[in-house]
PDB file of all heavy atoms in Angstrom:
ATOM      1  N   GLY A   1     -11.142  64.088  71.958  1.00  0.00           N
ATOM      2  CA  GLY A   1     -10.704  64.124  73.347  1.00  0.00           C
ATOM      3  C   GLY A   1     -11.869  63.872  74.282  1.00  0.00           C
ATOM      4  O   GLY A   1     -12.948  63.442  73.852  1.00  0.00           O
ATOM      5  N   PRO A   2     -11.688  64.122  75.585  1.00  0.00           N
ATOM      6  CA  PRO A   2     -12.797  63.945  76.537  1.00  0.00           C
ATOM      7  C   PRO A   2     -13.917  64.949  76.240  1.00  0.00           C
ATOM      8  O   PRO A   2     -13.648  66.101  75.893  1.00  0.00           O
ATOM      9  CB  PRO A   2     -12.153  64.254  77.894  1.00  0.00           C
ATOM     10  CG  PRO A   2     -10.683  64.143  77.670  1.00  0.00           C
ATOM     11  CD  PRO A   2     -10.449  64.538  76.254  1.00  0.00           C
ATOM     12  N   VAL A   3     -15.153  64.500  76.335  1.00  0.00           N
ATOM     13  CA  VAL A   3     -16.311  65.393  76.180  1.00  0.00           C
ATOM     14  C   VAL A   3     -17.252  65.172  77.351  1.00  0.00           C
ATOM     15  O   VAL A   3     -17.176  64.165  78.055  1.00  0.00           O
ATOM     16  CB  VAL A   3     -17.056  65.165  74.842  1.00  0.00           C
ATOM     17  CG1 VAL A   3     -16.150  65.422  73.661  1.00  0.00           C
ATOM     18  CG2 VAL A   3     -17.644  63.762  74.774  1.00  0.00           C
ATOM     19  N   ALA A   4     -18.168  66.114  77.551  1.00  0.00           N
ATOM     20  CA  ALA A   4     -19.017  66.105  78.747  1.00  0.00           C
ATOM     21  C   ALA A   4     -19.885  64.857  78.838  1.00  0.00           C
ATOM     22  O   ALA A   4     -19.920  64.183  79.865  1.00  0.00           O
ATOM     23  CB  ALA A   4     -19.882  67.370  78.755  1.00  0.00           C
ATOM     24  N   VAL A   5     -20.615  64.549  77.768  1.00  0.00           N
ATOM     25  CA  VAL A   5     -21.574  63.441  77.828  1.00  0.00           C
ATOM     26  C   VAL A   5     -20.855  62.118  78.041  1.00  0.00           C
ATOM     27  O   VAL A   5     -21.280  61.290  78.858  1.00  0.00           O
ATOM     28  CB  VAL A   5     -22.433  63.403  76.551  1.00  0.00           C
ATOM     29  CG1 VAL A   5     -23.308  62.159  76.522  1.00  0.00           C
ATOM     30  CG2 VAL A   5     -23.312  64.650  76.458  1.00  0.00           C
ATOM     31  N   VAL A   6     -19.763  61.887  77.317  1.00  0.00           N
ATOM     32  CA  VAL A   6     -19.012  60.634  77.476  1.00  0.00           C
ATOM     33  C   VAL A   6     -18.383  60.560  78.866  1.00  0.00           C
ATOM     34  O   VAL A   6     -18.304  59.472  79.467  1.00  0.00           O
ATOM     35  CB  VAL A   6     -17.947  60.502  76.368  1.00  0.00           C
ATOM     36  CG1 VAL A   6     -17.014  59.338  76.651  1.00  0.00           C
ATOM     37  CG2 VAL A   6     -18.622  60.313  75.017  1.00  0.00           C
ATOM     38  N   SER A   7     -17.945  61.695  79.408  1.00  0.00           N
ATOM     39  CA  SER A   7     -17.393  61.701  80.765  1.00  0.00           C
ATOM     40  C   SER A   7     -18.458  61.306  81.781  1.00  0.00           C
ATOM     41  O   SER A   7     -18.186  60.557  82.728  1.00  0.00           O
ATOM     42  CB  SER A   7     -16.835  63.090  81.097  1.00  0.00           C
ATOM     43  OG  SER A   7     -15.756  63.427  80.241  1.00  0.00           O
ATOM     44  N   LEU A   8     -19.684  61.809  81.583  1.00  0.00           N
ATOM     45  CA  LEU A   8     -20.781  61.444  82.480  1.00  0.00           C
ATOM     46  C   LEU A   8     -21.098  59.951  82.370  1.00  0.00           C
ATOM     47  O   LEU A   8     -21.302  59.270  83.383  1.00  0.00           O
ATOM     48  CB  LEU A   8     -22.016  62.273  82.140  1.00  0.00           C
ATOM     49  CG  LEU A   8     -23.281  61.974  82.955  1.00  0.00           C
ATOM     50  CD1 LEU A   8     -23.067  62.327  84.417  1.00  0.00           C
ATOM     51  CD2 LEU A   8     -24.486  62.723  82.398  1.00  0.00           C
ATOM     52  N   LEU A   9     -21.149  59.453  81.132  1.00  0.00           N
ATOM     53  CA  LEU A   9     -21.402  58.026  80.923  1.00  0.00           C
ATOM     54  C   LEU A   9     -20.299  57.170  81.548  1.00  0.00           C
ATOM     55  O   LEU A   9     -20.565  56.097  82.103  1.00  0.00           O
ATOM     56  CB  LEU A   9     -21.512  57.733  79.426  1.00  0.00           C
ATOM     57  CG  LEU A   9     -22.796  58.206  78.736  1.00  0.00           C
ATOM     58  CD1 LEU A   9     -22.638  58.163  77.215  1.00  0.00           C
ATOM     59  CD2 LEU A   9     -23.978  57.356  79.164  1.00  0.00           C
ATOM     60  N   THR A  10     -19.062  57.649  81.460  1.00  0.00           N
ATOM     61  CA  THR A  10     -17.941  56.930  82.076  1.00  0.00           C
ATOM     62  C   THR A  10     -18.099  56.849  83.588  1.00  0.00           C
ATOM     63  O   THR A  10     -17.942  55.783  84.192  1.00  0.00           O
ATOM     64  CB  THR A  10     -16.607  57.621  81.727  1.00  0.00           C
ATOM     65  OG1 THR A  10     -16.416  57.596  80.309  1.00  0.00           O
ATOM     66  CG2 THR A  10     -15.434  56.936  82.412  1.00  0.00           C
ATOM     67  N   ALA A  11     -18.441  57.981  84.201  1.00  0.00           N
ATOM     68  CA  ALA A  11     -18.625  58.002  85.654  1.00  0.00           C
ATOM     69  C   ALA A  11     -19.759  57.064  86.068  1.00  0.00           C
ATOM     70  O   ALA A  11     -19.652  56.341  87.064  1.00  0.00           O
ATOM     71  CB  ALA A  11     -18.920  59.428  86.115  1.00  0.00           C
ATOM     72  N   SER A  12     -20.838  57.067  85.288  1.00  0.00           N
ATOM     73  CA  SER A  12     -21.984  56.215  85.611  1.00  0.00           C
ATOM     74  C   SER A  12     -21.628  54.732  85.499  1.00  0.00           C
ATOM     75  O   SER A  12     -21.975  53.929  86.369  1.00  0.00           O
ATOM     76  CB  SER A  12     -23.153  56.551  84.677  1.00  0.00           C
ATOM     77  OG  SER A  12     -24.240  55.676  84.885  1.00  0.00           O
ATOM     78  N   ALA A  13     -20.916  54.363  84.424  1.00  0.00           N
ATOM     79  CA  ALA A  13     -20.586  52.955  84.184  1.00  0.00           C
ATOM     80  C   ALA A  13     -19.527  52.452  85.161  1.00  0.00           C
ATOM     81  O   ALA A  13     -19.673  51.394  85.787  1.00  0.00           O
ATOM     82  CB  ALA A  13     -20.108  52.771  82.745  1.00  0.00           C
ATOM     83  N   VAL A  14     -18.444  53.216  85.296  1.00  0.00           N
ATOM     84  CA  VAL A  14     -17.325  52.779  86.137  1.00  0.00           C
ATOM     85  C   VAL A  14     -17.711  52.814  87.616  1.00  0.00           C
ATOM     86  O   VAL A  14     -17.254  51.989  88.412  1.00  0.00           O
ATOM     87  CB  VAL A  14     -16.079  53.641  85.860  1.00  0.00           C
ATOM     88  CG1 VAL A  14     -14.938  53.260  86.786  1.00  0.00           C
ATOM     89  CG2 VAL A  14     -15.652  53.493  84.411  1.00  0.00           C
ATOM     90  N   GLY A  15     -18.585  53.775  87.971  1.00  0.00           N
ATOM     91  CA  GLY A  15     -19.014  53.881  89.364  1.00  0.00           C
ATOM     92  C   GLY A  15     -19.774  52.668  89.866  1.00  0.00           C
ATOM     93  O   GLY A  15     -19.902  52.466  91.083  1.00  0.00           O
ATOM     94  N   GLN A  16     -20.258  51.838  88.950  1.00  0.00           N
ATOM     95  CA  GLN A  16     -20.998  50.639  89.341  1.00  0.00           C
ATOM     96  C   GLN A  16     -20.077  49.447  89.631  1.00  0.00           C
ATOM     97  O   GLN A  16     -20.527  48.447  90.196  1.00  0.00           O
ATOM     98  CB  GLN A  16     -21.991  50.267  88.240  1.00  0.00           C
ATOM     99  CG  GLN A  16     -23.082  51.302  88.040  1.00  0.00           C
ATOM    100  CD  GLN A  16     -24.043  50.922  86.933  1.00  0.00           C
ATOM    101  OE1 GLN A  16     -24.120  49.769  86.526  1.00  0.00           O
ATOM    102  NE2 GLN A  16     -24.784  51.902  86.424  1.00  0.00           N
ATOM    103  N   VAL A  17     -18.805  49.553  89.229  1.00  0.00           N
ATOM    104  CA  VAL A  17     -17.892  48.423  89.439  1.00  0.00           C
ATOM    105  C   VAL A  17     -16.720  48.762  90.358  1.00  0.00           C
ATOM    106  O   VAL A  17     -15.999  47.860  90.792  1.00  0.00           O
ATOM    107  CB  VAL A  17     -17.340  47.904  88.083  1.00  0.00           C
ATOM    108  CG1 VAL A  17     -18.468  47.403  87.203  1.00  0.00           C
ATOM    109  CG2 VAL A  17     -16.542  48.978  87.355  1.00  0.00           C
ATOM    110  N   ALA A  18     -16.519  50.033  90.651  1.00  0.00           N
ATOM    111  CA  ALA A  18     -15.397  50.422  91.520  1.00  0.00           C
ATOM    112  C   ALA A  18     -15.717  51.754  92.185  1.00  0.00           C
ATOM    113  O   ALA A  18     -16.569  52.519  91.715  1.00  0.00           O
ATOM    114  CB  ALA A  18     -14.096  50.530  90.713  1.00  0.00           C
ATOM    115  N   GLU A  19     -15.010  52.020  93.268  1.00  0.00           N
ATOM    116  CA  GLU A  19     -15.225  53.265  94.004  1.00  0.00           C
ATOM    117  C   GLU A  19     -14.285  54.336  93.476  1.00  0.00           C
ATOM    118  O   GLU A  19     -13.102  54.082  93.233  1.00  0.00           O
ATOM    119  CB  GLU A  19     -14.974  53.030  95.497  1.00  0.00           C
ATOM    120  CG  GLU A  19     -15.293  54.243  96.358  1.00  0.00           C
ATOM    121  CD  GLU A  19     -15.077  53.971  97.838  1.00  0.00           C
ATOM    122  OE1 GLU A  19     -14.928  52.774  98.194  1.00  0.00           O
ATOM    123  OE2 GLU A  19     -15.033  54.924  98.622  1.00  0.00           O
ATOM    124  N   ALA A  20     -14.834  55.557  93.276  1.00  0.00           N
ATOM    125  CA  ALA A  20     -14.033  56.669  92.753  1.00  0.00           C
ATOM    126  C   ALA A  20     -12.832  56.923  93.656  1.00  0.00           C
ATOM    127  O   ALA A  20     -12.926  56.862  94.885  1.00  0.00           O
ATOM    128  CB  ALA A  20     -14.887  57.927  92.644  1.00  0.00           C
ATOM    129  N   GLY A  21     -11.698  57.210  93.016  1.00  0.00           N
ATOM    130  CA  GLY A  21     -10.480  57.486  93.759  1.00  0.00           C
ATOM    131  C   GLY A  21      -9.609  56.281  94.009  1.00  0.00           C
ATOM    132  O   GLY A  21      -8.488  56.415  94.505  1.00  0.00           O
ATOM    133  N   THR A  22     -10.096  55.099  93.652  1.00  0.00           N
ATOM    134  CA  THR A  22      -9.306  53.886  93.854  1.00  0.00           C
ATOM    135  C   THR A  22      -8.603  53.495  92.555  1.00  0.00           C
ATOM    136  O   THR A  22      -8.963  53.944  91.473  1.00  0.00           O
ATOM    137  CB  THR A  22     -10.197  52.720  94.308  1.00  0.00           C
ATOM    138  OG1 THR A  22     -11.132  52.407  93.261  1.00  0.00           O
ATOM    139  CG2 THR A  22     -10.971  53.091  95.565  1.00  0.00           C
ATOM    140  N   ALA A  23      -7.601  52.617  92.690  1.00  0.00           N
ATOM    141  CA  ALA A  23      -6.882  52.129  91.506  1.00  0.00           C
ATOM    142  C   ALA A  23      -7.817  51.324  90.611  1.00  0.00           C
ATOM    143  O   ALA A  23      -7.715  51.366  89.380  1.00  0.00           O
ATOM    144  CB  ALA A  23      -5.696  51.273  91.939  1.00  0.00           C
ATOM    145  N   GLY A  24      -8.746  50.602  91.233  1.00  0.00           N
ATOM    146  CA  GLY A  24      -9.698  49.818  90.452  1.00  0.00           C
ATOM    147  C   GLY A  24     -10.579  50.683  89.577  1.00  0.00           C
ATOM    148  O   GLY A  24     -10.970  50.267  88.476  1.00  0.00           O
ATOM    149  N   TYR A  25     -10.878  51.877  90.056  1.00  0.00           N
ATOM    150  CA  TYR A  25     -11.709  52.812  89.274  1.00  0.00           C
ATOM    151  C   TYR A  25     -10.969  53.239  88.010  1.00  0.00           C
ATOM    152  O   TYR A  25     -11.540  53.246  86.914  1.00  0.00           O
ATOM    153  CB  TYR A  25     -12.043  54.030  90.133  1.00  0.00           C
ATOM    154  CG  TYR A  25     -13.102  54.946  89.547  1.00  0.00           C
ATOM    155  CD1 TYR A  25     -14.437  54.807  89.913  1.00  0.00           C
ATOM    156  CD2 TYR A  25     -12.758  55.954  88.650  1.00  0.00           C
ATOM    157  CE1 TYR A  25     -15.413  55.647  89.400  1.00  0.00           C
ATOM    158  CE2 TYR A  25     -13.724  56.796  88.126  1.00  0.00           C
ATOM    159  CZ  TYR A  25     -15.046  56.638  88.507  1.00  0.00           C
ATOM    160  OH  TYR A  25     -16.006  57.486  87.983  1.00  0.00           O
ATOM    161  N   ALA A  26      -9.687  53.593  88.151  1.00  0.00           N
ATOM    162  CA  ALA A  26      -8.887  54.010  86.998  1.00  0.00           C
ATOM    163  C   ALA A  26      -8.724  52.867  85.996  1.00  0.00           C
ATOM    164  O   ALA A  26      -8.807  53.075  84.776  1.00  0.00           O
ATOM    165  CB  ALA A  26      -7.515  54.508  87.465  1.00  0.00           C
ATOM    166  N   VAL A  27      -8.508  51.641  86.512  1.00  0.00           N
ATOM    167  CA  VAL A  27      -8.368  50.481  85.623  1.00  0.00           C
ATOM    168  C   VAL A  27      -9.669  50.219  84.876  1.00  0.00           C
ATOM    169  O   VAL A  27      -9.670  49.894  83.683  1.00  0.00           O
ATOM    170  CB  VAL A  27      -7.936  49.235  86.430  1.00  0.00           C
ATOM    171  CG1 VAL A  27      -8.007  47.980  85.571  1.00  0.00           C
ATOM    172  CG2 VAL A  27      -6.518  49.417  86.967  1.00  0.00           C
ATOM    173  N   ALA A  28     -10.795  50.379  85.558  1.00  0.00           N
ATOM    174  CA  ALA A  28     -12.088  50.175  84.911  1.00  0.00           C
ATOM    175  C   ALA A  28     -12.313  51.202  83.809  1.00  0.00           C
ATOM    176  O   ALA A  28     -12.872  50.881  82.752  1.00  0.00           O
ATOM    177  CB  ALA A  28     -13.204  50.244  85.951  1.00  0.00           C
ATOM    178  N   ALA A  29     -11.859  52.436  84.033  1.00  0.00           N
ATOM    179  CA  ALA A  29     -11.981  53.467  82.999  1.00  0.00           C
ATOM    180  C   ALA A  29     -11.136  53.114  81.778  1.00  0.00           C
ATOM    181  O   ALA A  29     -11.555  53.320  80.629  1.00  0.00           O
ATOM    182  CB  ALA A  29     -11.568  54.830  83.563  1.00  0.00           C
ATOM    183  N   LEU A  30      -9.936  52.582  82.024  1.00  0.00           N
ATOM    184  CA  LEU A  30      -9.079  52.137  80.922  1.00  0.00           C
ATOM    185  C   LEU A  30      -9.757  50.996  80.147  1.00  0.00           C
ATOM    186  O   LEU A  30      -9.731  50.962  78.912  1.00  0.00           O
ATOM    187  CB  LEU A  30      -7.730  51.651  81.460  1.00  0.00           C
ATOM    188  CG  LEU A  30      -6.830  52.679  82.151  1.00  0.00           C
ATOM    189  CD1 LEU A  30      -5.609  51.980  82.733  1.00  0.00           C
ATOM    190  CD2 LEU A  30      -6.394  53.766  81.180  1.00  0.00           C
ATOM    191  N   THR A  31     -10.362  50.083  80.883  1.00  0.00           N
ATOM    192  CA  THR A  31     -11.042  48.951  80.250  1.00  0.00           C
ATOM    193  C   THR A  31     -12.218  49.423  79.410  1.00  0.00           C
ATOM    194  O   THR A  31     -12.473  48.897  78.314  1.00  0.00           O
ATOM    195  CB  THR A  31     -11.524  47.952  81.320  1.00  0.00           C
ATOM    196  OG1 THR A  31     -10.415  47.570  82.126  1.00  0.00           O
ATOM    197  CG2 THR A  31     -12.155  46.728  80.685  1.00  0.00           C
ATOM    198  N   LEU A  32     -12.938  50.415  79.914  1.00  0.00           N
ATOM    199  CA  LEU A  32     -14.072  50.976  79.166  1.00  0.00           C
ATOM    200  C   LEU A  32     -13.596  51.581  77.847  1.00  0.00           C
ATOM    201  O   LEU A  32     -14.221  51.385  76.798  1.00  0.00           O
ATOM    202  CB  LEU A  32     -14.767  52.031  80.023  1.00  0.00           C
ATOM    203  CG  LEU A  32     -16.164  52.484  79.579  1.00  0.00           C
ATOM    204  CD1 LEU A  32     -17.138  51.319  79.625  1.00  0.00           C
ATOM    205  CD2 LEU A  32     -16.653  53.612  80.491  1.00  0.00           C
ATOM    206  N   ALA A  33     -12.470  52.304  77.897  1.00  0.00           N
ATOM    207  CA  ALA A  33     -11.905  52.876  76.670  1.00  0.00           C
ATOM    208  C   ALA A  33     -11.453  51.770  75.718  1.00  0.00           C
ATOM    209  O   ALA A  33     -11.644  51.867  74.496  1.00  0.00           O
ATOM    210  CB  ALA A  33     -10.729  53.795  77.013  1.00  0.00           C
ATOM    211  N   PHE A  34     -10.860  50.714  76.267  1.00  0.00           N
ATOM    212  CA  PHE A  34     -10.396  49.595  75.444  1.00  0.00           C
ATOM    213  C   PHE A  34     -11.565  48.907  74.734  1.00  0.00           C
ATOM    214  O   PHE A  34     -11.514  48.668  73.516  1.00  0.00           O
ATOM    215  CB  PHE A  34      -9.644  48.595  76.333  1.00  0.00           C
ATOM    216  CG  PHE A  34      -9.203  47.349  75.627  1.00  0.00           C
ATOM    217  CD1 PHE A  34      -8.107  47.361  74.780  1.00  0.00           C
ATOM    218  CD2 PHE A  34      -9.895  46.157  75.795  1.00  0.00           C
ATOM    219  CE1 PHE A  34      -7.700  46.204  74.120  1.00  0.00           C
ATOM    220  CE2 PHE A  34      -9.503  45.005  75.146  1.00  0.00           C
ATOM    221  CZ  PHE A  34      -8.404  45.035  74.297  1.00  0.00           C
ATOM    222  N   LEU A  35     -12.618  48.606  75.478  1.00  0.00           N
ATOM    223  CA  LEU A  35     -13.785  47.946  74.890  1.00  0.00           C
ATOM    224  C   LEU A  35     -14.458  48.837  73.847  1.00  0.00           C
ATOM    225  O   LEU A  35     -14.883  48.369  72.782  1.00  0.00           O
ATOM    226  CB  LEU A  35     -14.787  47.569  75.988  1.00  0.00           C
ATOM    227  CG  LEU A  35     -14.330  46.499  76.985  1.00  0.00           C
ATOM    228  CD1 LEU A  35     -15.356  46.327  78.097  1.00  0.00           C
ATOM    229  CD2 LEU A  35     -14.087  45.172  76.273  1.00  0.00           C
TER     230      LEU A  35
END
């Protein structure tokens, strides 16, 4: 499931391509999981 370190890495990576709270941010998180 979700863990602290991976959650931090997710925030760091996704935060560079989209703004938190936007639909693009959620889609980027899905893409990160897919890749």
